[in-house]
N, C-alpha and C. Protein backbone atom coordinates (compact mmCIF):
# COMPACT_ATOMS: atom_id res chain seq x y z
N MET A 1 19.11 223.33 -100.44
CA MET A 1 20.05 222.91 -99.42
C MET A 1 20.76 221.65 -99.90
N THR A 2 22.03 221.53 -99.62
CA THR A 2 22.82 220.40 -100.08
C THR A 2 22.51 219.15 -99.27
N PRO A 3 22.80 217.96 -99.81
CA PRO A 3 22.55 216.73 -99.06
C PRO A 3 23.29 216.72 -97.71
N LEU A 4 24.49 217.28 -97.70
CA LEU A 4 25.29 217.31 -96.48
C LEU A 4 24.59 218.11 -95.40
N MET A 5 23.91 219.16 -95.77
CA MET A 5 23.34 220.09 -94.80
C MET A 5 21.86 219.85 -94.52
N LYS A 6 21.20 218.94 -95.25
CA LYS A 6 19.75 218.82 -95.15
C LYS A 6 19.25 218.40 -93.78
N GLU A 7 20.08 217.71 -93.00
CA GLU A 7 19.66 217.25 -91.69
C GLU A 7 19.92 218.28 -90.59
N LEU A 8 20.61 219.37 -90.92
CA LEU A 8 20.95 220.37 -89.92
C LEU A 8 19.98 221.54 -89.95
N ALA A 9 19.77 222.15 -88.78
CA ALA A 9 18.99 223.37 -88.72
C ALA A 9 19.75 224.45 -89.48
N PRO A 10 19.07 225.45 -90.03
CA PRO A 10 19.75 226.48 -90.83
C PRO A 10 20.95 227.13 -90.13
N LYS A 11 20.82 227.44 -88.85
CA LYS A 11 21.93 228.06 -88.13
C LYS A 11 23.13 227.11 -88.04
N GLU A 12 22.86 225.84 -87.75
CA GLU A 12 23.94 224.85 -87.67
C GLU A 12 24.58 224.63 -89.04
N ALA A 13 23.76 224.56 -90.07
CA ALA A 13 24.29 224.36 -91.42
C ALA A 13 25.20 225.52 -91.82
N ASP A 14 24.80 226.74 -91.48
CA ASP A 14 25.65 227.89 -91.78
C ASP A 14 26.98 227.80 -91.05
N GLY A 15 26.95 227.33 -89.81
CA GLY A 15 28.18 227.17 -89.04
C GLY A 15 29.09 226.11 -89.65
N VAL A 16 28.49 225.00 -90.10
CA VAL A 16 29.28 223.94 -90.73
C VAL A 16 29.88 224.45 -92.04
N ARG A 17 29.08 225.16 -92.83
CA ARG A 17 29.60 225.73 -94.08
C ARG A 17 30.77 226.67 -93.82
N ALA A 18 30.64 227.51 -92.80
CA ALA A 18 31.70 228.47 -92.47
C ALA A 18 32.96 227.73 -92.03
N LEU A 19 32.82 226.70 -91.24
CA LEU A 19 33.97 225.91 -90.78
C LEU A 19 34.67 225.24 -91.96
N LEU A 20 33.89 224.61 -92.83
CA LEU A 20 34.46 223.94 -94.00
C LEU A 20 35.14 224.95 -94.93
N ALA A 21 34.52 226.10 -95.12
CA ALA A 21 35.12 227.14 -95.98
C ALA A 21 36.43 227.64 -95.38
N ARG A 22 36.46 227.83 -94.08
CA ARG A 22 37.70 228.28 -93.43
C ARG A 22 38.81 227.25 -93.60
N ASP A 23 38.50 225.98 -93.36
CA ASP A 23 39.50 224.93 -93.52
C ASP A 23 39.97 224.83 -94.97
N ARG A 24 39.03 224.94 -95.89
CA ARG A 24 39.38 224.86 -97.31
C ARG A 24 40.33 225.98 -97.70
N GLU A 25 40.04 227.19 -97.29
CA GLU A 25 40.91 228.33 -97.62
C GLU A 25 42.29 228.19 -96.99
N GLU A 26 42.35 227.70 -95.76
CA GLU A 26 43.63 227.51 -95.10
C GLU A 26 44.49 226.48 -95.84
N ILE A 27 43.87 225.38 -96.22
CA ILE A 27 44.60 224.33 -96.96
C ILE A 27 45.08 224.87 -98.30
N LEU A 28 44.21 225.56 -99.02
CA LEU A 28 44.60 226.11 -100.32
C LEU A 28 45.74 227.14 -100.18
N ALA A 29 45.75 227.87 -99.10
CA ALA A 29 46.79 228.89 -98.90
C ALA A 29 48.12 228.27 -98.49
N LYS A 30 48.09 227.17 -97.75
CA LYS A 30 49.33 226.63 -97.18
C LYS A 30 49.94 225.45 -97.95
N CYS A 31 49.12 224.68 -98.65
CA CYS A 31 49.63 223.48 -99.32
C CYS A 31 50.54 223.85 -100.47
N THR A 32 51.71 223.25 -100.49
CA THR A 32 52.70 223.51 -101.55
C THR A 32 52.64 222.46 -102.66
N GLN A 33 51.71 221.52 -102.54
CA GLN A 33 51.53 220.48 -103.55
C GLN A 33 52.78 219.61 -103.68
N CYS A 34 53.48 219.38 -102.58
CA CYS A 34 54.70 218.58 -102.62
C CYS A 34 54.42 217.10 -102.88
N GLY A 35 53.22 216.63 -102.47
CA GLY A 35 52.85 215.24 -102.71
C GLY A 35 53.30 214.27 -101.64
N ARG A 36 53.90 214.76 -100.57
CA ARG A 36 54.38 213.87 -99.51
C ARG A 36 53.22 213.07 -98.92
N CYS A 37 52.07 213.69 -98.78
CA CYS A 37 50.90 213.00 -98.23
C CYS A 37 50.53 211.79 -99.09
N PHE A 38 50.58 211.95 -100.39
CA PHE A 38 50.28 210.87 -101.32
C PHE A 38 51.33 209.77 -101.22
N GLU A 39 52.59 210.16 -101.09
CA GLU A 39 53.69 209.20 -101.01
C GLU A 39 53.59 208.28 -99.79
N VAL A 40 53.10 208.80 -98.67
CA VAL A 40 53.04 208.00 -97.44
C VAL A 40 51.68 207.36 -97.20
N CYS A 41 50.71 207.66 -98.04
CA CYS A 41 49.36 207.13 -97.85
C CYS A 41 49.35 205.61 -97.97
N PRO A 42 48.86 204.91 -96.95
CA PRO A 42 48.85 203.44 -97.01
C PRO A 42 47.82 202.88 -97.99
N MET A 43 46.92 203.70 -98.50
CA MET A 43 45.87 203.21 -99.40
C MET A 43 46.25 203.31 -100.87
N VAL A 44 47.24 204.11 -101.20
CA VAL A 44 47.61 204.31 -102.61
C VAL A 44 47.88 203.00 -103.35
N PRO A 45 48.58 202.04 -102.76
CA PRO A 45 48.81 200.79 -103.50
C PRO A 45 47.54 200.02 -103.86
N TYR A 46 46.45 200.33 -103.19
CA TYR A 46 45.20 199.61 -103.41
C TYR A 46 44.26 200.32 -104.38
N GLY A 47 44.67 201.47 -104.86
CA GLY A 47 43.82 202.24 -105.74
C GLY A 47 43.80 201.73 -107.17
N GLU A 48 42.77 202.14 -107.87
CA GLU A 48 42.65 201.83 -109.29
C GLU A 48 43.36 202.91 -110.10
N HIS A 49 43.22 202.87 -111.40
CA HIS A 49 43.80 203.86 -112.31
C HIS A 49 45.32 203.92 -112.16
N ASP A 50 45.93 202.77 -111.81
CA ASP A 50 47.39 202.72 -111.65
C ASP A 50 47.85 203.82 -110.68
N LEU A 51 47.09 203.98 -109.62
CA LEU A 51 47.28 205.10 -108.69
C LEU A 51 48.71 205.20 -108.17
N ALA A 52 49.31 204.08 -107.81
CA ALA A 52 50.66 204.10 -107.23
C ALA A 52 51.71 204.62 -108.21
N ARG A 53 51.42 204.62 -109.48
CA ARG A 53 52.39 205.10 -110.48
C ARG A 53 52.19 206.56 -110.87
N GLN A 54 51.19 207.18 -110.28
CA GLN A 54 50.90 208.59 -110.60
C GLN A 54 51.89 209.51 -109.90
N SER A 55 52.07 210.67 -110.47
CA SER A 55 52.92 211.69 -109.86
C SER A 55 52.27 212.22 -108.58
N PRO A 56 52.96 212.12 -107.44
CA PRO A 56 52.39 212.64 -106.20
C PRO A 56 52.02 214.13 -106.30
N ARG A 57 52.87 214.90 -106.95
CA ARG A 57 52.59 216.34 -107.11
C ARG A 57 51.32 216.57 -107.94
N ASP A 58 51.19 215.79 -109.02
CA ASP A 58 50.02 215.95 -109.89
C ASP A 58 48.73 215.56 -109.18
N VAL A 59 48.77 214.46 -108.44
CA VAL A 59 47.57 214.01 -107.74
C VAL A 59 47.19 215.01 -106.65
N ALA A 60 48.18 215.44 -105.86
CA ALA A 60 47.91 216.44 -104.81
C ALA A 60 47.37 217.73 -105.44
N GLY A 61 47.95 218.13 -106.56
CA GLY A 61 47.48 219.33 -107.24
C GLY A 61 46.05 219.22 -107.73
N SER A 62 45.68 218.04 -108.19
CA SER A 62 44.31 217.84 -108.66
C SER A 62 43.33 217.81 -107.48
N VAL A 63 43.76 217.30 -106.33
CA VAL A 63 42.91 217.35 -105.14
C VAL A 63 42.68 218.81 -104.74
N LEU A 64 43.73 219.62 -104.81
CA LEU A 64 43.57 221.04 -104.55
C LEU A 64 42.60 221.67 -105.55
N GLY A 65 42.65 221.20 -106.79
CA GLY A 65 41.71 221.67 -107.79
C GLY A 65 40.27 221.36 -107.40
N ILE A 66 40.03 220.18 -106.85
CA ILE A 66 38.69 219.84 -106.39
C ILE A 66 38.26 220.84 -105.32
N LEU A 67 39.19 221.21 -104.43
CA LEU A 67 38.85 222.20 -103.40
C LEU A 67 38.52 223.56 -104.01
N ARG A 68 39.06 223.83 -105.20
CA ARG A 68 38.75 225.08 -105.91
C ARG A 68 37.55 224.92 -106.83
N ASP A 69 36.81 223.83 -106.67
CA ASP A 69 35.63 223.54 -107.49
C ASP A 69 35.96 223.24 -108.94
N GLU A 70 37.14 222.71 -109.19
CA GLU A 70 37.53 222.28 -110.53
C GLU A 70 37.33 220.77 -110.64
N PRO A 71 37.19 220.25 -111.84
CA PRO A 71 37.09 218.80 -112.00
C PRO A 71 38.39 218.12 -111.55
N GLY A 72 38.25 217.04 -110.81
CA GLY A 72 39.41 216.28 -110.37
C GLY A 72 39.82 215.25 -111.40
N SER A 73 41.11 214.94 -111.43
CA SER A 73 41.60 213.87 -112.31
C SER A 73 41.08 212.54 -111.78
N ALA A 74 41.12 211.51 -112.63
CA ALA A 74 40.69 210.18 -112.20
C ALA A 74 41.51 209.71 -111.00
N ALA A 75 42.82 209.99 -111.02
CA ALA A 75 43.68 209.57 -109.92
C ALA A 75 43.32 210.31 -108.63
N ALA A 76 43.08 211.61 -108.71
CA ALA A 76 42.73 212.38 -107.52
C ALA A 76 41.40 211.90 -106.94
N LEU A 77 40.43 211.68 -107.80
CA LEU A 77 39.13 211.22 -107.33
C LEU A 77 39.23 209.82 -106.72
N GLU A 78 40.06 208.98 -107.28
CA GLU A 78 40.27 207.65 -106.71
C GLU A 78 40.90 207.76 -105.32
N TRP A 79 41.90 208.63 -105.17
CA TRP A 79 42.55 208.79 -103.87
C TRP A 79 41.56 209.33 -102.84
N VAL A 80 40.78 210.31 -103.24
CA VAL A 80 39.76 210.88 -102.35
C VAL A 80 38.78 209.77 -101.93
N LYS A 81 38.40 208.94 -102.88
CA LYS A 81 37.41 207.89 -102.63
C LYS A 81 37.93 206.82 -101.67
N ILE A 82 39.21 206.44 -101.80
CA ILE A 82 39.71 205.32 -101.00
C ILE A 82 40.34 205.73 -99.67
N CYS A 83 40.42 207.02 -99.41
CA CYS A 83 41.01 207.49 -98.15
C CYS A 83 40.27 206.88 -96.97
N THR A 84 41.01 206.28 -96.04
CA THR A 84 40.41 205.69 -94.84
C THR A 84 40.59 206.58 -93.62
N LYS A 85 41.15 207.77 -93.84
CA LYS A 85 41.36 208.73 -92.76
C LYS A 85 42.28 208.18 -91.68
N SER A 86 43.32 207.46 -92.10
CA SER A 86 44.28 206.89 -91.15
C SER A 86 45.09 207.98 -90.45
N GLY A 87 45.27 209.11 -91.11
CA GLY A 87 46.05 210.20 -90.53
C GLY A 87 47.54 210.06 -90.74
N GLU A 88 47.96 209.02 -91.42
CA GLU A 88 49.40 208.84 -91.68
C GLU A 88 49.97 210.05 -92.41
N CYS A 89 49.18 210.61 -93.28
CA CYS A 89 49.61 211.78 -94.07
C CYS A 89 49.87 213.00 -93.19
N ASP A 90 49.04 213.19 -92.16
CA ASP A 90 49.18 214.36 -91.30
C ASP A 90 50.55 214.43 -90.65
N ALA A 91 51.06 213.29 -90.25
CA ALA A 91 52.36 213.24 -89.57
C ALA A 91 53.52 213.58 -90.49
N HIS A 92 53.31 213.53 -91.79
CA HIS A 92 54.40 213.74 -92.75
C HIS A 92 54.31 215.05 -93.52
N CYS A 93 53.29 215.84 -93.27
CA CYS A 93 53.11 217.08 -94.03
C CYS A 93 54.13 218.13 -93.58
N PRO A 94 55.00 218.58 -94.48
CA PRO A 94 56.00 219.58 -94.10
C PRO A 94 55.41 220.96 -93.82
N GLU A 95 54.17 221.19 -94.24
CA GLU A 95 53.52 222.49 -94.02
C GLU A 95 52.60 222.47 -92.80
N ALA A 96 52.54 221.33 -92.13
CA ALA A 96 51.72 221.16 -90.92
C ALA A 96 50.23 221.46 -91.16
N ILE A 97 49.77 221.18 -92.38
CA ILE A 97 48.32 221.21 -92.60
C ILE A 97 47.83 219.79 -92.41
N SER A 98 46.56 219.57 -92.53
CA SER A 98 46.02 218.23 -92.40
C SER A 98 45.59 217.71 -93.77
N PRO A 99 46.46 216.91 -94.41
CA PRO A 99 46.03 216.31 -95.67
C PRO A 99 44.78 215.45 -95.49
N LYS A 100 44.63 214.86 -94.31
CA LYS A 100 43.42 214.07 -94.04
C LYS A 100 42.18 214.96 -94.19
N MET A 101 42.24 216.16 -93.66
CA MET A 101 41.12 217.10 -93.80
C MET A 101 40.99 217.54 -95.26
N MET A 102 42.13 217.73 -95.94
CA MET A 102 42.09 218.11 -97.35
C MET A 102 41.30 217.07 -98.15
N LEU A 103 41.57 215.79 -97.89
CA LEU A 103 40.88 214.72 -98.61
C LEU A 103 39.42 214.62 -98.19
N ARG A 104 39.14 214.87 -96.92
CA ARG A 104 37.74 214.84 -96.47
C ARG A 104 36.94 215.95 -97.14
N LEU A 105 37.52 217.15 -97.19
CA LEU A 105 36.84 218.26 -97.84
C LEU A 105 36.66 217.99 -99.33
N ALA A 106 37.69 217.44 -99.96
CA ALA A 106 37.59 217.12 -101.39
C ALA A 106 36.49 216.10 -101.63
N ARG A 107 36.37 215.15 -100.73
CA ARG A 107 35.31 214.15 -100.88
C ARG A 107 33.93 214.79 -100.75
N ILE A 108 33.77 215.67 -99.75
CA ILE A 108 32.48 216.36 -99.57
C ILE A 108 32.12 217.13 -100.84
N ILE A 109 33.10 217.83 -101.40
CA ILE A 109 32.87 218.61 -102.61
C ILE A 109 32.58 217.68 -103.79
N ALA A 110 33.37 216.60 -103.91
CA ALA A 110 33.24 215.69 -105.05
C ALA A 110 31.91 214.94 -105.08
N ILE A 111 31.32 214.71 -103.92
CA ILE A 111 30.02 214.02 -103.92
C ILE A 111 28.87 215.01 -104.02
N GLY A 112 29.20 216.30 -104.15
CA GLY A 112 28.17 217.31 -104.32
C GLY A 112 27.61 217.83 -103.01
N GLY A 113 28.32 217.64 -101.93
CA GLY A 113 27.84 218.03 -100.62
C GLY A 113 27.85 219.51 -100.34
N MET A 114 28.52 220.30 -101.15
CA MET A 114 28.59 221.74 -100.89
C MET A 114 27.76 222.55 -101.88
N ASP A 115 27.49 222.00 -103.05
CA ASP A 115 26.75 222.74 -104.07
C ASP A 115 25.80 221.80 -104.80
N PRO A 116 24.51 221.87 -104.48
CA PRO A 116 23.56 220.94 -105.10
C PRO A 116 23.35 221.19 -106.59
N ASP A 117 23.81 222.33 -107.08
CA ASP A 117 23.62 222.65 -108.49
C ASP A 117 24.72 222.07 -109.38
N LYS A 118 25.77 221.55 -108.79
CA LYS A 118 26.85 220.94 -109.57
C LYS A 118 26.70 219.43 -109.55
N PRO A 119 26.90 218.81 -110.69
CA PRO A 119 26.82 217.34 -110.68
C PRO A 119 27.99 216.76 -109.89
N PRO A 120 27.73 215.71 -109.12
CA PRO A 120 28.81 215.12 -108.33
C PRO A 120 29.88 214.49 -109.22
N GLN A 121 31.13 214.58 -108.74
CA GLN A 121 32.25 213.94 -109.44
C GLN A 121 32.43 212.50 -108.97
N LEU A 122 31.93 212.22 -107.80
CA LEU A 122 31.95 210.86 -107.24
C LEU A 122 30.52 210.44 -106.96
N PRO A 123 30.19 209.19 -107.19
CA PRO A 123 28.83 208.75 -106.88
C PRO A 123 28.60 208.76 -105.38
N LEU A 124 27.35 208.98 -105.00
CA LEU A 124 27.02 208.99 -103.58
C LEU A 124 27.04 207.59 -102.99
N LYS A 125 26.77 206.59 -103.80
CA LYS A 125 26.78 205.22 -103.30
C LYS A 125 28.23 204.75 -103.20
N ASP A 126 28.63 204.39 -102.01
CA ASP A 126 29.99 203.93 -101.78
C ASP A 126 30.14 202.45 -102.07
N ASP A 127 31.36 202.03 -102.12
CA ASP A 127 31.70 200.63 -102.30
C ASP A 127 31.10 199.84 -101.13
N PRO A 128 30.31 198.80 -101.41
CA PRO A 128 29.71 198.04 -100.31
C PRO A 128 30.75 197.34 -99.43
N ASP A 129 31.96 197.17 -99.93
CA ASP A 129 33.02 196.54 -99.14
C ASP A 129 33.92 197.55 -98.46
N TYR A 130 33.54 198.82 -98.52
CA TYR A 130 34.40 199.88 -97.98
C TYR A 130 34.81 199.62 -96.53
N PHE A 131 33.84 199.35 -95.66
CA PHE A 131 34.17 199.18 -94.25
C PHE A 131 34.93 197.88 -94.01
N ASN A 132 34.69 196.87 -94.83
CA ASN A 132 35.49 195.65 -94.73
C ASN A 132 36.96 195.95 -95.03
N LYS A 133 37.19 196.81 -96.02
CA LYS A 133 38.56 197.20 -96.35
C LYS A 133 39.19 197.99 -95.21
N VAL A 134 38.42 198.87 -94.60
CA VAL A 134 38.93 199.64 -93.46
C VAL A 134 39.31 198.71 -92.32
N HIS A 135 38.43 197.76 -92.03
CA HIS A 135 38.72 196.82 -90.94
C HIS A 135 39.94 195.96 -91.27
N ALA A 136 40.07 195.56 -92.52
CA ALA A 136 41.24 194.77 -92.92
C ALA A 136 42.51 195.58 -92.73
N TYR A 137 42.50 196.83 -93.15
CA TYR A 137 43.67 197.69 -92.98
C TYR A 137 43.97 197.88 -91.49
N ALA A 138 42.94 198.06 -90.68
CA ALA A 138 43.14 198.27 -89.24
C ALA A 138 43.81 197.05 -88.62
N ARG A 139 43.43 195.86 -89.07
CA ARG A 139 44.05 194.65 -88.53
C ARG A 139 45.55 194.62 -88.81
N PHE A 140 45.97 195.14 -89.96
CA PHE A 140 47.40 195.19 -90.28
C PHE A 140 48.12 196.21 -89.42
N SER A 141 47.42 197.23 -88.96
CA SER A 141 48.02 198.32 -88.22
C SER A 141 48.13 198.04 -86.74
N LEU A 142 47.39 197.07 -86.23
CA LEU A 142 47.35 196.81 -84.81
C LEU A 142 48.25 195.64 -84.44
N SER A 143 48.81 195.70 -83.25
CA SER A 143 49.62 194.59 -82.74
C SER A 143 48.68 193.48 -82.30
N ASP A 144 49.25 192.29 -82.02
CA ASP A 144 48.45 191.17 -81.54
C ASP A 144 47.74 191.53 -80.24
N ALA A 145 48.42 192.25 -79.36
CA ALA A 145 47.84 192.65 -78.08
C ALA A 145 46.67 193.60 -78.29
N GLU A 146 46.79 194.52 -79.25
CA GLU A 146 45.71 195.46 -79.52
C GLU A 146 44.51 194.79 -80.14
N ARG A 147 44.73 193.73 -80.92
CA ARG A 147 43.62 193.02 -81.55
C ARG A 147 42.90 192.10 -80.58
N ALA A 148 43.55 191.74 -79.49
CA ALA A 148 42.97 190.79 -78.52
C ALA A 148 41.82 191.40 -77.74
């Protein structure tokens, strides 16, 4: 059983697997790899591997590759890792899929959450400052009244 599913009862785990598989297939079928999600992502400027200078189409294509169980590029794995699930990408997708879900699924796959027999592409231990970064980003997104 995968780390993602180990806490679930077998029936629940099967349901989660089926849901994730359905979402993965829908994204793979509908995504045109235009890269608009990458272009509007507020986290891209903060990524490593010169992330902001990467081709949006190439990075989006490599994330789709992760969904197909292929190795992700360094840029794609970095984007998957730093995604804060802001949802900014969802509002800009011309195909009306959820790039946020695409990145969440890619992260689950990249950390080995779907197949325990494959080595993870991303380490399971996250950046200890991850939530501090999320909170910092949230402060920039909120008005003074919302922060009060």
